[in-house]
C-alpha atoms as a PDB file:
ATOM      1  CA  UNK A   1      -6.512-164.829 -37.563  1.00  0.00           C
ATOM      2  CA  UNK A   2      -8.113-161.646 -38.751  1.00  0.00           C
ATOM      3  CA  UNK A   3     -10.788-159.684 -36.844  1.00  0.00           C
ATOM      4  CA  UNK A   4     -13.508-160.664 -39.283  1.00  0.00           C
ATOM      5  CA  UNK A   5     -12.661-164.323 -38.939  1.00  0.00           C
ATOM      6  CA  UNK A   6     -12.773-164.076 -35.153  1.00  0.00           C
ATOM      7  CA  UNK A   7     -16.215-162.398 -35.291  1.00  0.00           C
ATOM      8  CA  UNK A   8     -17.520-165.126 -37.568  1.00  0.00           C
ATOM      9  CA  UNK A   9     -16.167-167.984 -35.507  1.00  0.00           C
ATOM     10  CA  UNK A  10     -16.793-166.375 -32.094  1.00  0.00           C
ATOM     11  CA  UNK A  11     -20.557-165.906 -31.984  1.00  0.00           C
ATOM     12  CA  UNK A  12     -20.751-164.391 -28.452  1.00  0.00           C
ATOM     13  CA  UNK A  13     -18.191-161.737 -29.423  1.00  0.00           C
ATOM     14  CA  UNK A  14     -20.146-160.919 -32.596  1.00  0.00           C
ATOM     15  CA  UNK A  15     -23.390-160.592 -30.650  1.00  0.00           C
ATOM     16  CA  UNK A  16     -21.816-158.332 -28.024  1.00  0.00           C
ATOM     17  CA  UNK A  17     -20.214-156.146 -30.717  1.00  0.00           C
ATOM     18  CA  UNK A  18     -23.547-155.847 -32.516  1.00  0.00           C
ATOM     19  CA  UNK A  19     -25.348-154.792 -29.325  1.00  0.00           C
ATOM     20  CA  UNK A  20     -22.651-152.233 -28.470  1.00  0.00           C
ATOM     21  CA  UNK A  21     -22.776-150.692 -31.952  1.00  0.00           C
ATOM     22  CA  UNK A  22     -26.581-150.600 -31.813  1.00  0.00           C
ATOM     23  CA  UNK A  23     -26.570-148.866 -28.426  1.00  0.00           C
ATOM     24  CA  UNK A  24     -24.008-146.305 -29.599  1.00  0.00           C
ATOM     25  CA  UNK A  25     -26.155-145.570 -32.630  1.00  0.00           C
ATOM     26  CA  UNK A  26     -29.303-145.079 -30.531  1.00  0.00           C
ATOM     27  CA  UNK A  27     -27.460-142.802 -28.069  1.00  0.00           C
ATOM     28  CA  UNK A  28     -26.020-140.760 -30.920  1.00  0.00           C
ATOM     29  CA  UNK A  29     -29.452-140.350 -32.509  1.00  0.00           C
ATOM     30  CA  UNK A  30     -31.033-139.258 -29.228  1.00  0.00           C
ATOM     31  CA  UNK A  31     -28.308-136.654 -28.655  1.00  0.00           C
ATOM     32  CA  UNK A  32     -28.621-135.084 -32.119  1.00  0.00           C
ATOM     33  CA  UNK A  33     -29.696-131.395 -31.947  1.00  0.00           C
ATOM     34  CA  UNK A  34     -33.243-130.990 -33.232  1.00  0.00           C
ATOM     35  CA  UNK A  35     -35.392-127.976 -34.054  1.00  0.00           C
ATOM     36  CA  UNK A  36     -39.000-127.853 -35.083  1.00  0.00           C
ATOM     37  CA  UNK A  37     -38.348-125.103 -37.648  1.00  0.00           C
ATOM     38  CA  UNK A  38     -34.591-124.885 -38.233  1.00  0.00           C
ATOM     39  CA  UNK A  39     -33.349-121.656 -39.808  1.00  0.00           C
ATOM     40  CA  UNK A  40     -31.685-122.228 -43.166  1.00  0.00           C
ATOM     41  CA  UNK A  41     -29.723-119.530 -44.920  1.00  0.00           C
ATOM     42  CA  UNK A  42     -29.897-119.555 -48.725  1.00  0.00           C
ATOM     43  CA  UNK A  43     -27.130-116.947 -49.257  1.00  0.00           C
ATOM     44  CA  UNK A  44     -29.767-114.509 -50.498  1.00  0.00           C
ATOM     45  CA  UNK A  45     -30.081-110.837 -49.584  1.00  0.00           C
ATOM     46  CA  UNK A  46     -32.910-108.388 -50.248  1.00  0.00           C
ATOM     47  CA  UNK A  47     -32.342-104.612 -50.440  1.00  0.00           C
ATOM     48  CA  UNK A  48     -35.533-102.563 -50.084  1.00  0.00           C
ATOM     49  CA  UNK A  49     -35.487 -98.803 -50.692  1.00  0.00           C
ATOM     50  CA  UNK A  50     -38.393 -96.352 -50.640  1.00  0.00           C
ATOM     51  CA  UNK A  51     -38.502 -93.113 -52.650  1.00  0.00           C
ATOM     52  CA  UNK A  52     -41.833 -91.435 -51.796  1.00  0.00           C
ATOM     53  CA  UNK A  53     -43.771 -89.882 -54.654  1.00  0.00           C
ATOM     54  CA  UNK A  54     -41.500 -91.210 -57.418  1.00  0.00           C
ATOM     55  CA  UNK A  55     -42.595 -93.065 -60.523  1.00  0.00           C
ATOM     56  CA  UNK A  56     -41.192 -96.465 -61.460  1.00  0.00           C
ATOM     57  CA  UNK A  57     -38.887 -94.871 -64.052  1.00  0.00           C
ATOM     58  CA  UNK A  58     -37.479 -92.392 -61.530  1.00  0.00           C
ATOM     59  CA  UNK A  59     -36.996 -95.131 -58.935  1.00  0.00           C
ATOM     60  CA  UNK A  60     -35.050 -97.253 -61.427  1.00  0.00           C
ATOM     61  CA  UNK A  61     -32.869 -94.356 -62.557  1.00  0.00           C
ATOM     62  CA  UNK A  62     -32.205 -92.689 -59.202  1.00  0.00           C
ATOM     63  CA  UNK A  63     -32.238 -95.650 -56.798  1.00  0.00           C
ATOM     64  CA  UNK A  64     -32.108 -99.096 -58.395  1.00  0.00           C
ATOM     65  CA  UNK A  65     -29.375 -98.497 -60.966  1.00  0.00           C
ATOM     66  CA  UNK A  66     -26.859 -96.824 -58.575  1.00  0.00           C
ATOM     67  CA  UNK A  67     -27.363 -99.473 -55.898  1.00  0.00           C
ATOM     68  CA  UNK A  68     -27.197-102.356 -58.360  1.00  0.00           C
ATOM     69  CA  UNK A  69     -24.022-100.966 -59.917  1.00  0.00           C
ATOM     70  CA  UNK A  70     -22.340-100.836 -56.505  1.00  0.00           C
ATOM     71  CA  UNK A  71     -23.556-104.296 -55.468  1.00  0.00           C
ATOM     72  CA  UNK A  72     -22.222-105.946 -58.628  1.00  0.00           C
ATOM     73  CA  UNK A  73     -18.679-104.986 -57.637  1.00  0.00           C
ATOM     74  CA  UNK A  74     -18.740-107.523 -54.792  1.00  0.00           C
ATOM     75  CA  UNK A  75     -17.121-110.931 -55.371  1.00  0.00           C
ATOM     76  CA  UNK A  76     -18.841-114.325 -55.121  1.00  0.00           C
ATOM     77  CA  UNK A  77     -22.151-113.010 -56.512  1.00  0.00           C
ATOM     78  CA  UNK A  78     -24.153-115.511 -58.556  1.00  0.00           C
ATOM     79  CA  UNK A  79     -26.781-113.104 -59.851  1.00  0.00           C
ATOM     80  CA  UNK A  80     -28.553-109.814 -59.080  1.00  0.00           C
ATOM     81  CA  UNK A  81     -32.222-109.202 -59.865  1.00  0.00           C
ATOM     82  CA  UNK A  82     -34.068-105.925 -59.347  1.00  0.00           C
ATOM     83  CA  UNK A  83     -37.628-104.641 -59.508  1.00  0.00           C
ATOM     84  CA  UNK A  84     -38.604-100.971 -59.622  1.00  0.00           C
ATOM     85  CA  UNK A  85     -42.124 -99.864 -58.808  1.00  0.00           C
ATOM     86  CA  UNK A  86     -43.775 -96.610 -57.894  1.00  0.00           C
ATOM     87  CA  UNK A  87     -42.171 -95.385 -54.648  1.00  0.00           C
ATOM     88  CA  UNK A  88     -40.073 -98.521 -54.027  1.00  0.00           C
ATOM     89  CA  UNK A  89     -37.058-100.489 -55.244  1.00  0.00           C
ATOM     90  CA  UNK A  90     -36.328-104.155 -54.483  1.00  0.00           C
ATOM     91  CA  UNK A  91     -32.971-105.762 -55.292  1.00  0.00           C
ATOM     92  CA  UNK A  92     -32.436-109.504 -54.824  1.00  0.00           C
ATOM     93  CA  UNK A  93     -28.810-110.670 -54.464  1.00  0.00           C
ATOM     94  CA  UNK A  94     -27.754-114.338 -54.589  1.00  0.00           C
ATOM     95  CA  UNK A  95     -24.247-115.314 -53.508  1.00  0.00           C
ATOM     96  CA  UNK A  96     -22.397-118.486 -54.484  1.00  0.00           C
ATOM     97  CA  UNK A  97     -22.046-121.473 -52.177  1.00  0.00           C
ATOM     98  CA  UNK A  98     -19.430-120.066 -49.806  1.00  0.00           C
ATOM     99  CA  UNK A  99     -18.630-120.686 -46.178  1.00  0.00           C
ATOM    100  CA  UNK A 100     -20.671-119.045 -43.453  1.00  0.00           C
ATOM    101  CA  UNK A 101     -17.715-116.889 -42.445  1.00  0.00           C
ATOM    102  CA  UNK A 102     -17.223-115.635 -46.010  1.00  0.00           C
ATOM    103  CA  UNK A 103     -20.932-114.992 -46.398  1.00  0.00           C
ATOM    104  CA  UNK A 104     -21.021-112.892 -43.215  1.00  0.00           C
ATOM    105  CA  UNK A 105     -18.122-110.844 -44.575  1.00  0.00           C
ATOM    106  CA  UNK A 106     -19.910-110.337 -47.900  1.00  0.00           C
ATOM    107  CA  UNK A 107     -23.051-109.199 -46.050  1.00  0.00           C
ATOM    108  CA  UNK A 108     -20.995-106.652 -44.113  1.00  0.00           C
ATOM    109  CA  UNK A 109     -19.365-105.416 -47.321  1.00  0.00           C
ATOM    110  CA  UNK A 110     -22.738-105.121 -49.058  1.00  0.00           C
ATOM    111  CA  UNK A 111     -24.236-103.150 -46.183  1.00  0.00           C
ATOM    112  CA  UNK A 112     -21.285-100.766 -46.276  1.00  0.00           C
ATOM    113  CA  UNK A 113     -21.539-100.265 -50.052  1.00  0.00           C
ATOM    114  CA  UNK A 114     -25.279 -99.639 -49.875  1.00  0.00           C
ATOM    115  CA  UNK A 115     -24.872 -97.180 -47.005  1.00  0.00           C
ATOM    116  CA  UNK A 116     -22.114 -95.278 -48.822  1.00  0.00           C
ATOM    117  CA  UNK A 117     -24.188 -95.117 -52.010  1.00  0.00           C
ATOM    118  CA  UNK A 118     -27.190 -93.917 -49.992  1.00  0.00           C
ATOM    119  CA  UNK A 119     -25.159 -91.110 -48.436  1.00  0.00           C
ATOM    120  CA  UNK A 120     -23.526 -89.983 -51.683  1.00  0.00           C
ATOM    121  CA  UNK A 121     -25.742 -90.667 -54.707  1.00  0.00           C
ATOM    122  CA  UNK A 122     -29.347 -91.351 -53.733  1.00  0.00           C
ATOM    123  CA  UNK A 123     -31.921 -88.508 -53.597  1.00  0.00           C
ATOM    124  CA  UNK A 124     -32.307 -86.621 -50.332  1.00  0.00           C
ATOM    125  CA  UNK A 125     -35.918 -87.720 -49.875  1.00  0.00           C
ATOM    126  CA  UNK A 126     -35.084 -91.422 -50.288  1.00  0.00           C
ATOM    127  CA  UNK A 127     -35.469 -93.581 -47.208  1.00  0.00           C
ATOM    128  CA  UNK A 128     -32.486 -95.489 -45.866  1.00  0.00           C
ATOM    129  CA  UNK A 129     -32.177 -98.869 -47.649  1.00  0.00           C
ATOM    130  CA  UNK A 130     -33.172-101.918 -45.641  1.00  0.00           C
ATOM    131  CA  UNK A 131     -30.867-104.943 -46.142  1.00  0.00           C
ATOM    132  CA  UNK A 132     -32.198-108.306 -44.971  1.00  0.00           C
ATOM    133  CA  UNK A 133     -30.948-111.861 -45.227  1.00  0.00           C
ATOM    134  CA  UNK A 134     -33.498-114.178 -46.791  1.00  0.00           C
ATOM    135  CA  UNK A 135     -33.808-117.268 -44.597  1.00  0.00           C
ATOM    136  CA  UNK A 136     -36.510-119.778 -43.757  1.00  0.00           C
ATOM    137  CA  UNK A 137     -37.513-117.652 -40.757  1.00  0.00           C
ATOM    138  CA  UNK A 138     -38.364-114.477 -42.692  1.00  0.00           C
ATOM    139  CA  UNK A 139     -38.823-115.761 -46.247  1.00  0.00           C
ATOM    140  CA  UNK A 140     -41.187-118.610 -45.416  1.00  0.00           C
ATOM    141  CA  UNK A 141     -43.501-117.755 -42.529  1.00  0.00           C
ATOM    142  CA  UNK A 142     -44.669-120.540 -40.253  1.00  0.00           C
ATOM    143  CA  UNK A 143     -48.265-119.321 -40.214  1.00  0.00           C
ATOM    144  CA  UNK A 144     -50.307-116.602 -41.894  1.00  0.00           C
ATOM    145  CA  UNK A 145     -53.363-114.831 -40.472  1.00  0.00           C
ATOM    146  CA  UNK A 146     -55.754-112.980 -42.796  1.00  0.00           C
ATOM    147  CA  UNK A 147     -58.201-110.515 -41.307  1.00  0.00           C
ATOM    148  CA  UNK A 148     -61.221-109.555 -43.390  1.00  0.00           C
ATOM    149  CA  UNK A 149     -64.817-108.568 -42.798  1.00  0.00           C
ATOM    150  CA  UNK A 150     -67.551-105.987 -43.450  1.00  0.00           C
ATOM    151  CA  UNK A 151     -66.115-103.548 -40.886  1.00  0.00           C
ATOM    152  CA  UNK A 152     -64.577-100.183 -41.750  1.00  0.00           C
ATOM    153  CA  UNK A 153     -60.896 -99.842 -42.627  1.00  0.00           C
ATOM    154  CA  UNK A 154     -60.050 -98.131 -39.355  1.00  0.00           C
ATOM    155  CA  UNK A 155     -61.724-100.849 -37.287  1.00  0.00           C
ATOM    156  CA  UNK A 156     -59.934-103.586 -39.240  1.00  0.00           C
ATOM    157  CA  UNK A 157     -56.656-101.713 -38.770  1.00  0.00           C
ATOM    158  CA  UNK A 158     -57.124-101.468 -34.993  1.00  0.00           C
ATOM    159  CA  UNK A 159     -58.128-105.129 -34.755  1.00  0.00           C
ATOM    160  CA  UNK A 160     -55.118-106.218 -36.823  1.00  0.00           C
ATOM    161  CA  UNK A 161     -52.744-104.249 -34.593  1.00  0.00           C
ATOM    162  CA  UNK A 162     -54.282-105.872 -31.522  1.00  0.00           C
ATOM    163  CA  UNK A 163     -53.876-109.346 -33.052  1.00  0.00           C
ATOM    164  CA  UNK A 164     -50.265-108.550 -33.934  1.00  0.00           C
ATOM    165  CA  UNK A 165     -49.518-107.479 -30.350  1.00  0.00           C
ATOM    166  CA  UNK A 166     -51.192-110.621 -28.983  1.00  0.00           C
ATOM    167  CA  UNK A 167     -49.181-112.880 -31.295  1.00  0.00           C
ATOM    168  CA  UNK A 168     -45.908-111.196 -30.353  1.00  0.00           C
ATOM    169  CA  UNK A 169     -46.585-111.936 -26.681  1.00  0.00           C
ATOM    170  CA  UNK A 170     -46.966-115.664 -27.311  1.00  0.00           C
ATOM    171  CA  UNK A 171     -44.012-117.780 -26.102  1.00  0.00           C
ATOM    172  CA  UNK A 172     -41.826-119.093 -28.909  1.00  0.00           C
ATOM    173  CA  UNK A 173     -42.837-116.430 -31.447  1.00  0.00           C
ATOM    174  CA  UNK A 174     -39.741-114.841 -32.962  1.00  0.00           C
ATOM    175  CA  UNK A 175     -41.254-112.184 -35.220  1.00  0.00           C
ATOM    176  CA  UNK A 176     -44.614-111.040 -36.546  1.00  0.00           C
ATOM    177  CA  UNK A 177     -44.696-109.189 -39.862  1.00  0.00           C
ATOM    178  CA  UNK A 178     -47.850-107.222 -40.628  1.00  0.00           C
ATOM    179  CA  UNK A 179     -48.877-105.707 -43.959  1.00  0.00           C
ATOM    180  CA  UNK A 180     -51.721-103.386 -44.796  1.00  0.00           C
ATOM    181  CA  UNK A 181     -51.472-101.414 -41.549  1.00  0.00           C
ATOM    182  CA  UNK A 182     -50.729 -98.062 -43.108  1.00  0.00           C
ATOM    183  CA  UNK A 183     -51.380 -94.847 -41.262  1.00  0.00           C
ATOM    184  CA  UNK A 184     -54.946 -93.541 -41.708  1.00  0.00           C
ATOM    185  CA  UNK A 185     -55.451 -90.660 -44.135  1.00  0.00           C
ATOM    186  CA  UNK A 186     -58.059 -87.923 -44.154  1.00  0.00           C
ATOM    187  CA  UNK A 187     -59.505 -87.077 -47.561  1.00  0.00           C
ATOM    188  CA  UNK A 188     -61.704 -84.067 -48.188  1.00  0.00           C
ATOM    189  CA  UNK A 189     -63.823 -83.651 -51.288  1.00  0.00           C
ATOM    190  CA  UNK A 190     -65.325 -80.324 -52.344  1.00  0.00           C
ATOM    191  CA  UNK A 191     -68.391 -80.244 -54.571  1.00  0.00           C
ATOM    192  CA  UNK A 192     -69.437 -77.350 -56.799  1.00  0.00           C
ATOM    193  CA  UNK A 193     -72.538 -76.755 -54.700  1.00  0.00           C
ATOM    194  CA  UNK A 194     -70.450 -76.485 -51.555  1.00  0.00           C
ATOM    195  CA  UNK A 195     -68.099 -73.975 -53.217  1.00  0.00           C
ATOM    196  CA  UNK A 196     -71.023 -71.871 -54.482  1.00  0.00           C
ATOM    197  CA  UNK A 197     -72.652 -71.756 -51.052  1.00  0.00           C
ATOM    198  CA  UNK A 198     -69.323 -70.935 -49.388  1.00  0.00           C
ATOM    199  CA  UNK A 199     -68.641 -68.088 -51.819  1.00  0.00           C
ATOM    200  CA  UNK A 200     -72.171 -66.787 -51.301  1.00  0.00           C
ATOM    201  CA  UNK A 201     -71.678 -66.520 -47.545  1.00  0.00           C
ATOM    202  CA  UNK A 202     -68.230 -64.960 -47.985  1.00  0.00           C
ATOM    203  CA  UNK A 203     -69.543 -62.258 -50.330  1.00  0.00           C
ATOM    204  CA  UNK A 204     -72.602 -61.762 -48.160  1.00  0.00           C
ATOM    205  CA  UNK A 205     -70.489 -61.231 -45.052  1.00  0.00           C
ATOM    206  CA  UNK A 206     -68.067 -58.919 -46.881  1.00  0.00           C
ATOM    207  CA  UNK A 207     -70.650 -56.682 -48.582  1.00  0.00           C
ATOM    208  CA  UNK A 208     -72.888 -56.693 -45.511  1.00  0.00           C
ATOM    209  CA  UNK A 209     -69.975 -55.332 -43.489  1.00  0.00           C
ATOM    210  CA  UNK A 210     -69.297 -52.624 -46.099  1.00  0.00           C
ATOM    211  CA  UNK A 211     -72.952 -51.555 -46.157  1.00  0.00           C
ATOM    212  CA  UNK A 212     -73.051 -51.410 -42.373  1.00  0.00           C
ATOM    213  CA  UNK A 213     -69.916 -49.292 -42.265  1.00  0.00           C
ATOM    214  CA  UNK A 214     -71.365 -46.886 -44.880  1.00  0.00           C
ATOM    215  CA  UNK A 215     -74.601 -46.529 -42.894  1.00  0.00           C
ATOM    216  CA  UNK A 216     -72.677 -45.704 -39.703  1.00  0.00           C
ATOM    217  CA  UNK A 217     -70.588 -43.103 -41.553  1.00  0.00           C
END
């Protein structure tokens, strides 16, 4: 008699087998690893490079094109997309569906190619390229905080830095990315009236000194 026939004819054995299988399933489900926000890697990389004071055309010619040419020599690449703006270059690299071990090797190779191209071909004033893996943790933030109000730029900047520091001290927070916190700049504007008054006092001081020296002589 087969096993299925025995289960059908022996009802107590079938009931016990059903309960055992059900318990094993519940125990297996309870022991599954769980994360509230699991990190998923999409096999995407982003290469950010800054060239201060350069136009979009210069960035594309001097930064984007050399880096993109070197990156395209890597195997297992699905596509490469680039964007050149004033002062900055962004290159998006998508790899094929490969194993995690192969992907880690491709990331290492890409970092080496980008570093070599930075040392040999990029302009001297270009910043070192920043290579990041695009995952759910850095590509899709869990929460976003927007700070706005009628206060001055400097006060908003100080408040935003304080909020960033407070968020980083919270337990469970992996990273806080802040934008719009550039260093303050001092701008001076000279009007025509100010220049005329300044020149008047300069000439007055100069000729007054000459007249005084002539009187003493």
